[in-house]
Amino acid sequence: MSRKRPQQAILSCSTDMSKTNETRKVIESMVDGLNDHRIDDIGEFFSVTFRWIGNFGCGIKNGLKEFQDNWQRPFQEAFSDKVCIDEARLFMGEWAAAFGRQEAIHSGTFMGIPPTRRKVEIRYMDFWKVEDGKIVDNWVMVDFPYVLSQLGVDVFKGEGWESFDQREQTR
């Protein structure tokens, strides 16, 4: 590359590696709390001022109350019997990451689609920053196009790049 390279990993380059075990405990406990469908007391794991930064269609939630009212409650209203399954977790100092799936029943209106009672898989990736025993930032990617496809809606209208694949990919 002949041009100047951008600085990489600005947010994590000075992480305190001695915090890895503390971060692991916070994240593992928080996932258990989500699987217990906790909302009102989820502040045990999240800073009151934390940021939840989602992809398009998910939004950005500033603060615990916005997360509870504008993500957790609508999500649990749309999807019942939800269980979160992290398929992989990584921990590095004050940072943690995971990807996995949630399995749930589409039991409430989601993106304008009335309840179908279908079991759906909701794929995600999370990156968390933990300070003083609480999550202060959470970057999230939720695969809503895949969820919608399970409910009969193709947001790409047949123009998705799966057509370039040589064979069907397993999820």
C-alpha atoms as a PDB file:
ATOM      1  CA  MET A   1       0.000   0.000   0.000  1.00  0.00           C
ATOM      2  CA  SER A   2       1.604   3.250  -1.070  1.00  0.00           C
ATOM      3  CA  ARG A   3      -0.625   5.667   0.834  1.00  0.00           C
ATOM      4  CA  LYS A   4      -0.608   6.324   4.561  1.00  0.00           C
ATOM      5  CA  ARG A   5      -2.369   3.581   6.499  1.00  0.00           C
ATOM      6  CA  PRO A   6      -5.162   4.505   8.919  1.00  0.00           C
ATOM      7  CA  GLN A   7      -4.577   3.899  12.589  1.00  0.00           C
ATOM      8  CA  GLN A   8      -6.152   0.591  13.601  1.00  0.00           C
ATOM      9  CA  ALA A   9      -7.775  -0.631  16.831  1.00  0.00           C
ATOM     10  CA  ILE A  10      -7.876   2.793  18.454  1.00  0.00           C
ATOM     11  CA  LEU A  11     -10.500   1.753  21.011  1.00  0.00           C
ATOM     12  CA  SER A  12      -8.799  -1.432  22.201  1.00  0.00           C
ATOM     13  CA  CYS A  13      -5.061  -0.751  21.816  1.00  0.00           C
ATOM     14  CA  SER A  14      -4.569   0.322  25.437  1.00  0.00           C
ATOM     15  CA  THR A  15      -6.800  -2.251  27.126  1.00  0.00           C
ATOM     16  CA  ASP A  16      -5.778  -3.365  30.599  1.00  0.00           C
ATOM     17  CA  MET A  17      -5.153  -7.091  30.161  1.00  0.00           C
ATOM     18  CA  SER A  18      -5.397  -7.645  33.923  1.00  0.00           C
ATOM     19  CA  LYS A  19      -9.160  -6.984  33.587  1.00  0.00           C
ATOM     20  CA  THR A  20      -9.823 -10.043  31.373  1.00  0.00           C
ATOM     21  CA  ASN A  21     -11.283 -12.277  34.104  1.00  0.00           C
ATOM     22  CA  GLU A  22     -13.466  -9.473  35.470  1.00  0.00           C
ATOM     23  CA  THR A  23     -14.787  -8.810  31.965  1.00  0.00           C
ATOM     24  CA  ARG A  24     -15.490 -12.512  31.459  1.00  0.00           C
ATOM     25  CA  LYS A  25     -17.530 -12.677  34.689  1.00  0.00           C
ATOM     26  CA  VAL A  26     -19.618  -9.621  33.736  1.00  0.00           C
ATOM     27  CA  ILE A  27     -20.404 -10.926  30.251  1.00  0.00           C
ATOM     28  CA  GLU A  28     -21.168 -14.496  31.348  1.00  0.00           C
ATOM     29  CA  SER A  29     -23.497 -13.235  34.098  1.00  0.00           C
ATOM     30  CA  MET A  30     -25.163 -10.748  31.743  1.00  0.00           C
ATOM     31  CA  VAL A  31     -25.929 -13.467  29.152  1.00  0.00           C
ATOM     32  CA  ASP A  32     -27.463 -15.574  31.926  1.00  0.00           C
ATOM     33  CA  GLY A  33     -29.564 -12.548  32.878  1.00  0.00           C
ATOM     34  CA  LEU A  34     -30.751 -12.129  29.289  1.00  0.00           C
ATOM     35  CA  ASN A  35     -31.655 -15.825  29.163  1.00  0.00           C
ATOM     36  CA  ASP A  36     -33.650 -15.321  32.350  1.00  0.00           C
ATOM     37  CA  HIS A  37     -35.531 -12.560  30.452  1.00  0.00           C
ATOM     38  CA  ARG A  38     -34.510  -9.931  32.992  1.00  0.00           C
ATOM     39  CA  ILE A  39     -35.315  -6.336  32.067  1.00  0.00           C
ATOM     40  CA  ASP A  40     -36.029  -4.195  35.114  1.00  0.00           C
ATOM     41  CA  ASP A  41     -32.882  -5.255  37.002  1.00  0.00           C
ATOM     42  CA  ILE A  42     -30.519  -5.681  34.020  1.00  0.00           C
ATOM     43  CA  GLY A  43     -28.644  -2.600  35.291  1.00  0.00           C
ATOM     44  CA  GLU A  44     -26.689  -5.050  37.435  1.00  0.00           C
ATOM     45  CA  PHE A  45     -24.554  -5.572  34.309  1.00  0.00           C
ATOM     46  CA  PHE A  46     -24.918  -2.305  32.357  1.00  0.00           C
ATOM     47  CA  SER A  47     -23.858   1.212  33.256  1.00  0.00           C
ATOM     48  CA  VAL A  48     -26.813   3.604  33.497  1.00  0.00           C
ATOM     49  CA  THR A  49     -25.201   5.665  30.707  1.00  0.00           C
ATOM     50  CA  PHE A  50     -24.057   2.804  28.467  1.00  0.00           C
ATOM     51  CA  ARG A  51     -24.441   2.931  24.678  1.00  0.00           C
ATOM     52  CA  TRP A  52     -26.025   0.128  22.661  1.00  0.00           C
ATOM     53  CA  ILE A  53     -24.982   0.683  19.057  1.00  0.00           C
ATOM     54  CA  GLY A  54     -26.899  -1.504  16.630  1.00  0.00           C
ATOM     55  CA  ASN A  55     -26.905  -1.923  12.883  1.00  0.00           C
ATOM     56  CA  PHE A  56     -29.543  -0.352  10.624  1.00  0.00           C
ATOM     57  CA  GLY A  57     -32.978  -1.576  11.650  1.00  0.00           C
ATOM     58  CA  CYS A  58     -31.893  -1.979  15.270  1.00  0.00           C
ATOM     59  CA  GLY A  59     -30.993   1.591  16.153  1.00  0.00           C
ATOM     60  CA  ILE A  60     -28.833   3.176  18.825  1.00  0.00           C
ATOM     61  CA  LYS A  61     -29.868   3.188  22.460  1.00  0.00           C
ATOM     62  CA  ASN A  62     -28.297   5.799  24.722  1.00  0.00           C
ATOM     63  CA  GLY A  63     -28.551   4.736  28.314  1.00  0.00           C
ATOM     64  CA  LEU A  64     -30.010   1.829  30.207  1.00  0.00           C
ATOM     65  CA  LYS A  65     -33.622   3.071  30.081  1.00  0.00           C
ATOM     66  CA  GLU A  66     -33.583   3.425  26.267  1.00  0.00           C
ATOM     67  CA  PHE A  67     -32.104  -0.073  26.009  1.00  0.00           C
ATOM     68  CA  GLN A  68     -34.798  -1.506  28.276  1.00  0.00           C
ATOM     69  CA  ASP A  69     -37.718   0.377  26.686  1.00  0.00           C
ATOM     70  CA  ASN A  70     -36.624   0.523  23.051  1.00  0.00           C
ATOM     71  CA  TRP A  71     -34.834  -2.809  22.623  1.00  0.00           C
ATOM     72  CA  GLN A  72     -35.439  -5.361  25.362  1.00  0.00           C
ATOM     73  CA  ARG A  73     -39.194  -4.865  25.795  1.00  0.00           C
ATOM     74  CA  PRO A  74     -40.086  -4.702  22.066  1.00  0.00           C
ATOM     75  CA  PHE A  75     -37.771  -7.644  21.349  1.00  0.00           C
ATOM     76  CA  GLN A  76     -39.343  -9.808  24.054  1.00  0.00           C
ATOM     77  CA  GLU A  77     -42.829  -8.785  22.901  1.00  0.00           C
ATOM     78  CA  ALA A  78     -42.009  -9.913  19.343  1.00  0.00           C
ATOM     79  CA  PHE A  79     -40.078 -13.048  20.295  1.00  0.00           C
ATOM     80  CA  SER A  80     -41.043 -15.262  23.222  1.00  0.00           C
ATOM     81  CA  ASP A  81     -39.381 -18.347  24.648  1.00  0.00           C
ATOM     82  CA  LYS A  82     -36.097 -16.761  23.617  1.00  0.00           C
ATOM     83  CA  VAL A  83     -32.771 -18.323  24.478  1.00  0.00           C
ATOM     84  CA  CYS A  84     -29.369 -16.809  23.682  1.00  0.00           C
ATOM     85  CA  ILE A  85     -26.623 -19.217  22.615  1.00  0.00           C
ATOM     86  CA  ASP A  86     -23.139 -17.755  22.215  1.00  0.00           C
ATOM     87  CA  GLU A  87     -21.251 -19.999  19.805  1.00  0.00           C
ATOM     88  CA  ALA A  88     -17.917 -18.304  20.502  1.00  0.00           C
ATOM     89  CA  ARG A  89     -16.645 -15.770  23.020  1.00  0.00           C
ATOM     90  CA  LEU A  90     -13.385 -13.851  23.118  1.00  0.00           C
ATOM     91  CA  PHE A  91     -12.048 -11.865  26.061  1.00  0.00           C
ATOM     92  CA  MET A  92      -9.194  -9.355  26.035  1.00  0.00           C
ATOM     93  CA  GLY A  93      -8.769  -6.996  28.958  1.00  0.00           C
ATOM     94  CA  GLU A  94     -11.827  -4.742  29.199  1.00  0.00           C
ATOM     95  CA  TRP A  95     -13.119  -6.060  25.867  1.00  0.00           C
ATOM     96  CA  ALA A  96     -15.280  -9.034  24.999  1.00  0.00           C
ATOM     97  CA  ALA A  97     -16.877 -10.297  21.816  1.00  0.00           C
ATOM     98  CA  ALA A  98     -19.290 -13.059  20.922  1.00  0.00           C
ATOM     99  CA  PHE A  99     -21.302 -14.373  18.048  1.00  0.00           C
ATOM    100  CA  GLY A 100     -24.151 -16.790  18.124  1.00  0.00           C
ATOM    101  CA  ARG A 101     -27.874 -17.098  17.813  1.00  0.00           C
ATOM    102  CA  GLN A 102     -31.073 -16.634  19.675  1.00  0.00           C
ATOM    103  CA  GLU A 103     -33.812 -19.169  19.205  1.00  0.00           C
ATOM    104  CA  ALA A 104     -37.317 -17.862  19.812  1.00  0.00           C
ATOM    105  CA  ILE A 105     -40.969 -18.001  18.822  1.00  0.00           C
ATOM    106  CA  HIS A 106     -42.332 -15.143  16.696  1.00  0.00           C
ATOM    107  CA  SER A 107     -45.216 -14.356  19.031  1.00  0.00           C
ATOM    108  CA  GLY A 108     -45.680 -10.593  18.561  1.00  0.00           C
ATOM    109  CA  THR A 109     -45.576  -8.085  15.731  1.00  0.00           C
ATOM    110  CA  PHE A 110     -42.078  -7.723  14.249  1.00  0.00           C
ATOM    111  CA  MET A 111     -41.268  -5.153  11.555  1.00  0.00           C
ATOM    112  CA  GLY A 112     -44.992  -4.982  10.767  1.00  0.00           C
ATOM    113  CA  ILE A 113     -45.370  -8.762  10.474  1.00  0.00           C
ATOM    114  CA  PRO A 114     -48.101 -10.142  12.728  1.00  0.00           C
ATOM    115  CA  PRO A 115     -47.204 -13.151  14.907  1.00  0.00           C
ATOM    116  CA  THR A 116     -46.654 -16.360  12.947  1.00  0.00           C
ATOM    117  CA  ARG A 117     -45.828 -18.621  15.930  1.00  0.00           C
ATOM    118  CA  ARG A 118     -42.827 -19.847  13.902  1.00  0.00           C
ATOM    119  CA  LYS A 119     -39.606 -20.738  15.629  1.00  0.00           C
ATOM    120  CA  VAL A 120     -36.882 -18.426  14.328  1.00  0.00           C
ATOM    121  CA  GLU A 121     -33.124 -18.180  14.609  1.00  0.00           C
ATOM    122  CA  ILE A 122     -31.747 -14.692  15.214  1.00  0.00           C
ATOM    123  CA  ARG A 123     -28.016 -14.456  14.404  1.00  0.00           C
ATOM    124  CA  TYR A 124     -25.897 -11.780  16.111  1.00  0.00           C
ATOM    125  CA  MET A 125     -22.434 -10.493  16.913  1.00  0.00           C
ATOM    126  CA  ASP A 126     -21.648  -8.413  19.997  1.00  0.00           C
ATOM    127  CA  PHE A 127     -18.630  -6.416  21.131  1.00  0.00           C
ATOM    128  CA  TRP A 128     -18.630  -5.095  24.699  1.00  0.00           C
ATOM    129  CA  LYS A 129     -16.465  -2.651  26.637  1.00  0.00           C
ATOM    130  CA  VAL A 130     -16.512  -3.205  30.403  1.00  0.00           C
ATOM    131  CA  GLU A 131     -15.339  -0.604  32.932  1.00  0.00           C
ATOM    132  CA  ASP A 132     -15.615  -0.844  36.721  1.00  0.00           C
ATOM    133  CA  GLY A 133     -17.622  -4.083  36.473  1.00  0.00           C
ATOM    134  CA  LYS A 134     -20.312  -2.708  34.105  1.00  0.00           C
ATOM    135  CA  ILE A 135     -20.831  -2.731  30.352  1.00  0.00           C
ATOM    136  CA  VAL A 136     -20.354   0.834  29.088  1.00  0.00           C
ATOM    137  CA  ASP A 137     -20.548   0.182  25.322  1.00  0.00           C
ATOM    138  CA  ASN A 138     -22.117  -2.594  23.258  1.00  0.00           C
ATOM    139  CA  TRP A 139     -21.705  -2.729  19.476  1.00  0.00           C
ATOM    140  CA  VAL A 140     -24.217  -5.147  17.970  1.00  0.00           C
ATOM    141  CA  MET A 141     -25.001  -6.678  14.579  1.00  0.00           C
ATOM    142  CA  VAL A 142     -28.333  -8.521  14.426  1.00  0.00           C
ATOM    143  CA  ASP A 143     -29.178 -10.366  11.203  1.00  0.00           C
ATOM    144  CA  PHE A 144     -32.713  -9.039  10.749  1.00  0.00           C
ATOM    145  CA  PRO A 145     -32.740  -9.861   6.991  1.00  0.00           C
ATOM    146  CA  TYR A 146     -32.308 -13.547   7.944  1.00  0.00           C
ATOM    147  CA  VAL A 147     -35.077 -13.318  10.545  1.00  0.00           C
ATOM    148  CA  LEU A 148     -37.380 -11.697   8.014  1.00  0.00           C
ATOM    149  CA  SER A 149     -36.573 -14.403   5.455  1.00  0.00           C
ATOM    150  CA  GLN A 150     -37.737 -17.007   7.972  1.00  0.00           C
ATOM    151  CA  LEU A 151     -41.018 -15.085   8.179  1.00  0.00           C
ATOM    152  CA  GLY A 152     -41.438 -15.049   4.388  1.00  0.00           C
ATOM    153  CA  VAL A 153     -40.022 -11.596   3.594  1.00  0.00           C
ATOM    154  CA  ASP A 154     -37.021 -11.186   1.265  1.00  0.00           C
ATOM    155  CA  VAL A 155     -35.711  -7.680   1.952  1.00  0.00           C
ATOM    156  CA  PHE A 156     -33.331  -8.066  -1.005  1.00  0.00           C
ATOM    157  CA  LYS A 157     -36.174  -8.978  -3.396  1.00  0.00           C
ATOM    158  CA  GLY A 158     -34.183 -11.817  -4.959  1.00  0.00           C
ATOM    159  CA  GLU A 159     -31.107  -9.615  -5.500  1.00  0.00           C
ATOM    160  CA  GLY A 160     -29.065 -10.930  -2.535  1.00  0.00           C
ATOM    161  CA  TRP A 161     -25.534 -12.043  -3.305  1.00  0.00           C
ATOM    162  CA  GLU A 162     -26.334 -15.641  -2.371  1.00  0.00           C
ATOM    163  CA  SER A 163     -26.842 -16.001  -6.119  1.00  0.00           C
ATOM    164  CA  PHE A 164     -23.034 -15.762  -6.488  1.00  0.00           C
ATOM    165  CA  ASP A 165     -22.473 -18.722  -4.139  1.00  0.00           C
ATOM    166  CA  GLN A 166     -21.432 -22.008  -5.669  1.00  0.00           C
ATOM    167  CA  ARG A 167     -23.559 -23.992  -3.238  1.00  0.00           C
ATOM    168  CA  GLU A 168     -26.039 -23.409  -0.458  1.00  0.00           C
ATOM    169  CA  GLN A 169     -24.284 -22.203   2.698  1.00  0.00           C
ATOM    170  CA  THR A 170     -25.147 -23.724   6.051  1.00  0.00           C
ATOM    171  CA  ARG A 171     -26.065 -21.344   8.809  1.00  0.00           C
END
